[in-house]
Amino acid sequence: MHFNVSTCYGMQIILYLTRNKKIVSSTELSGSLHISKRYIIQIAGKLRDGCLIETHAGMSGGYTLGKEASAISVYDIFSLFEGDICIPQCVNQCNNDSIHTALSTLKEYLDVYLKVLTLDQLADMDTYGRLSEVIRIAETQMVAIKNS
């Protein structure tokens, strides 16, 4: 799997806004995240168009979250930059159901995991504790999906 650098930078920008809870200028973002100001503005435009952040004009202008951090999932950011995760169909009609089942299950699990993990969780996450809780929640939801 290969993700665009824009996805990583978008996550960094929105996570910075989550942790700072104030209007943050593109200059501050650029200096703190070590991303060019021009690229910050480009990525922020995409985040704004996706209604994930708001822009504030003027001398004290900048960016803030467009919603509560608990209402923004990692999936929201990921899908904005990467689109949906797609499992391609075999061109040669391989009829290998086990491969397709495994890939479909992986896609479902990844979708659920990314949808369950929210910015507030990510911002507060320590290396082990919160991550294991998010994985447990995602696994519970996967079981519920499989049983429905």
Protein backbone atom coordinates (compact mmCIF):
# COMPACT_ATOMS: atom_id res chain seq x y z
CA MET A 1 0.00 0.00 0.00
CA HIS A 2 1.27 3.46 -0.84
CA PHE A 3 -0.26 6.64 0.60
CA ASN A 4 0.22 10.11 -0.82
CA VAL A 5 2.45 12.45 1.15
CA SER A 6 -0.52 14.86 1.10
CA THR A 7 -2.45 12.39 3.25
CA CYS A 8 0.31 12.34 5.85
CA TYR A 9 0.59 16.13 5.82
CA GLY A 10 -3.19 16.52 6.01
CA MET A 11 -3.20 14.29 9.10
CA GLN A 12 -0.36 16.30 10.64
CA ILE A 13 -2.13 19.62 10.01
CA ILE A 14 -5.46 18.51 11.39
CA LEU A 15 -3.82 16.84 14.39
CA TYR A 16 -1.91 20.05 15.13
CA LEU A 17 -5.18 22.00 15.02
CA THR A 18 -6.79 19.42 17.31
CA ARG A 19 -4.07 19.76 19.92
CA ASN A 20 -3.81 23.57 19.78
CA LYS A 21 -7.52 24.53 19.93
CA LYS A 22 -6.94 28.04 18.55
CA ILE A 23 -6.66 29.80 15.21
CA VAL A 24 -3.34 28.66 13.76
CA SER A 25 -1.67 30.54 10.91
CA SER A 26 -0.12 28.85 7.90
CA THR A 27 3.22 30.33 9.02
CA GLU A 28 2.95 28.62 12.41
CA LEU A 29 1.91 25.34 10.80
CA SER A 30 4.78 25.55 8.34
CA GLY A 31 7.35 26.25 11.06
CA SER A 32 6.05 23.64 13.49
CA LEU A 33 5.46 20.85 10.99
CA HIS A 34 8.41 21.63 8.68
CA ILE A 35 6.16 21.72 5.61
CA SER A 36 6.42 24.56 3.12
CA LYS A 37 3.85 27.31 3.59
CA ARG A 38 2.74 26.93 -0.02
CA TYR A 39 2.01 23.21 0.53
CA ILE A 40 0.24 23.95 3.84
CA ILE A 41 -2.10 26.35 2.02
CA GLN A 42 -2.76 23.79 -0.74
CA ILE A 43 -3.53 20.95 1.69
CA ALA A 44 -5.57 23.23 3.96
CA GLY A 45 -7.70 24.16 0.94
CA LYS A 46 -8.54 20.50 0.41
CA LEU A 47 -9.29 20.03 4.13
CA ARG A 48 -11.52 23.13 4.00
CA ASP A 49 -13.35 21.89 0.91
CA GLY A 50 -13.96 18.63 2.78
CA CYS A 51 -15.46 20.64 5.69
CA LEU A 52 -12.82 19.33 8.10
CA ILE A 53 -11.28 22.72 8.85
CA GLU A 54 -12.40 26.34 8.70
CA THR A 55 -10.38 29.28 7.45
CA HIS A 56 -10.26 32.66 9.16
CA ALA A 57 -9.21 35.71 7.14
CA GLY A 58 -7.27 38.74 8.28
CA MET A 59 -4.05 39.55 10.13
CA SER A 60 -4.92 37.10 12.91
CA GLY A 61 -6.30 34.60 10.45
CA GLY A 62 -5.54 30.98 9.98
CA TYR A 63 -7.22 27.63 10.47
CA THR A 64 -9.31 25.82 13.07
CA LEU A 65 -11.13 22.51 13.07
CA GLY A 66 -14.43 22.58 11.19
CA LYS A 67 -16.06 20.14 13.64
CA GLU A 68 -15.41 18.67 17.04
CA ALA A 69 -12.37 16.39 17.01
CA SER A 70 -14.58 13.51 18.16
CA ALA A 71 -16.69 13.92 15.00
CA ILE A 72 -13.74 13.62 12.59
CA SER A 73 -12.43 10.14 11.88
CA VAL A 74 -9.12 9.20 10.35
CA TYR A 75 -11.24 7.75 7.52
CA ASP A 76 -12.63 11.23 6.79
CA ILE A 77 -9.12 12.56 6.20
CA PHE A 78 -7.85 9.45 4.46
CA SER A 79 -10.75 9.29 2.00
CA LEU A 80 -10.45 13.00 1.23
CA PHE A 81 -6.88 12.54 -0.01
CA GLU A 82 -6.83 8.90 -1.11
CA GLY A 83 -10.44 8.14 -2.07
CA ASP A 84 -12.07 4.86 -1.10
CA ILE A 85 -10.02 1.74 -0.55
CA CYS A 86 -10.78 -0.47 -3.54
CA ILE A 87 -10.11 -4.14 -4.07
CA PRO A 88 -9.68 -4.73 -7.81
CA GLN A 89 -11.39 -7.60 -9.55
CA CYS A 90 -9.09 -10.03 -11.33
CA VAL A 91 -8.94 -9.39 -15.07
CA ASN A 92 -8.55 -13.05 -15.90
CA GLN A 93 -11.53 -14.27 -13.80
CA CYS A 94 -9.24 -16.30 -11.53
CA ASN A 95 -12.08 -17.81 -9.47
CA ASN A 96 -9.91 -17.85 -6.36
CA ASP A 97 -12.49 -17.10 -3.69
CA SER A 98 -10.04 -17.40 -0.81
CA ILE A 99 -7.93 -14.51 -2.14
CA HIS A 100 -10.99 -12.33 -2.76
CA THR A 101 -12.41 -13.16 0.67
CA ALA A 102 -9.12 -12.30 2.37
CA LEU A 103 -8.79 -8.99 0.51
CA SER A 104 -12.44 -8.08 1.12
CA THR A 105 -12.06 -8.84 4.82
CA LEU A 106 -8.91 -6.73 4.96
CA LYS A 107 -10.73 -3.83 3.27
CA GLU A 108 -13.67 -4.10 5.69
CA TYR A 109 -11.36 -4.21 8.69
CA LEU A 110 -9.33 -1.24 7.50
CA ASP A 111 -12.49 0.78 6.74
CA VAL A 112 -13.92 0.07 10.20
CA TYR A 113 -10.64 0.80 11.96
CA LEU A 114 -10.19 4.13 10.16
CA LYS A 115 -13.82 5.10 10.84
CA VAL A 116 -13.59 4.23 14.55
CA LEU A 117 -10.34 6.12 15.17
CA THR A 118 -11.22 9.78 15.73
CA LEU A 119 -8.98 12.83 16.00
CA ASP A 120 -9.57 13.28 19.72
CA GLN A 121 -8.45 9.67 20.27
CA LEU A 122 -5.44 10.14 18.02
CA ALA A 123 -4.46 13.39 19.74
CA ASP A 124 -4.60 11.73 23.18
CA MET A 125 -3.19 8.40 22.15
CA ASP A 126 -0.18 7.11 24.03
CA THR A 127 1.91 4.49 22.32
CA TYR A 128 0.03 1.49 23.70
CA GLY A 129 -2.97 2.20 25.90
CA ARG A 130 -5.41 4.05 23.69
CA LEU A 131 -4.36 2.28 20.51
CA SER A 132 -5.21 -1.11 21.98
CA GLU A 133 -8.63 0.24 23.01
CA VAL A 134 -9.31 1.53 19.49
CA ILE A 135 -8.28 -1.83 18.03
CA ARG A 136 -10.63 -3.61 20.47
CA ILE A 137 -13.52 -1.34 19.43
CA ALA A 138 -12.76 -1.90 15.74
CA GLU A 139 -12.66 -5.67 16.25
CA THR A 140 -16.01 -5.57 18.08
CA GLN A 141 -17.56 -3.62 15.21
CA MET A 142 -16.08 -6.04 12.65
CA VAL A 143 -17.73 -8.97 14.47
CA ALA A 144 -21.02 -7.07 14.47
CA ILE A 145 -20.74 -6.43 10.71
CA LYS A 146 -19.94 -10.08 10.00
CA ASN A 147 -22.93 -11.24 12.08
CA SER A 148 -25.41 -8.89 10.38
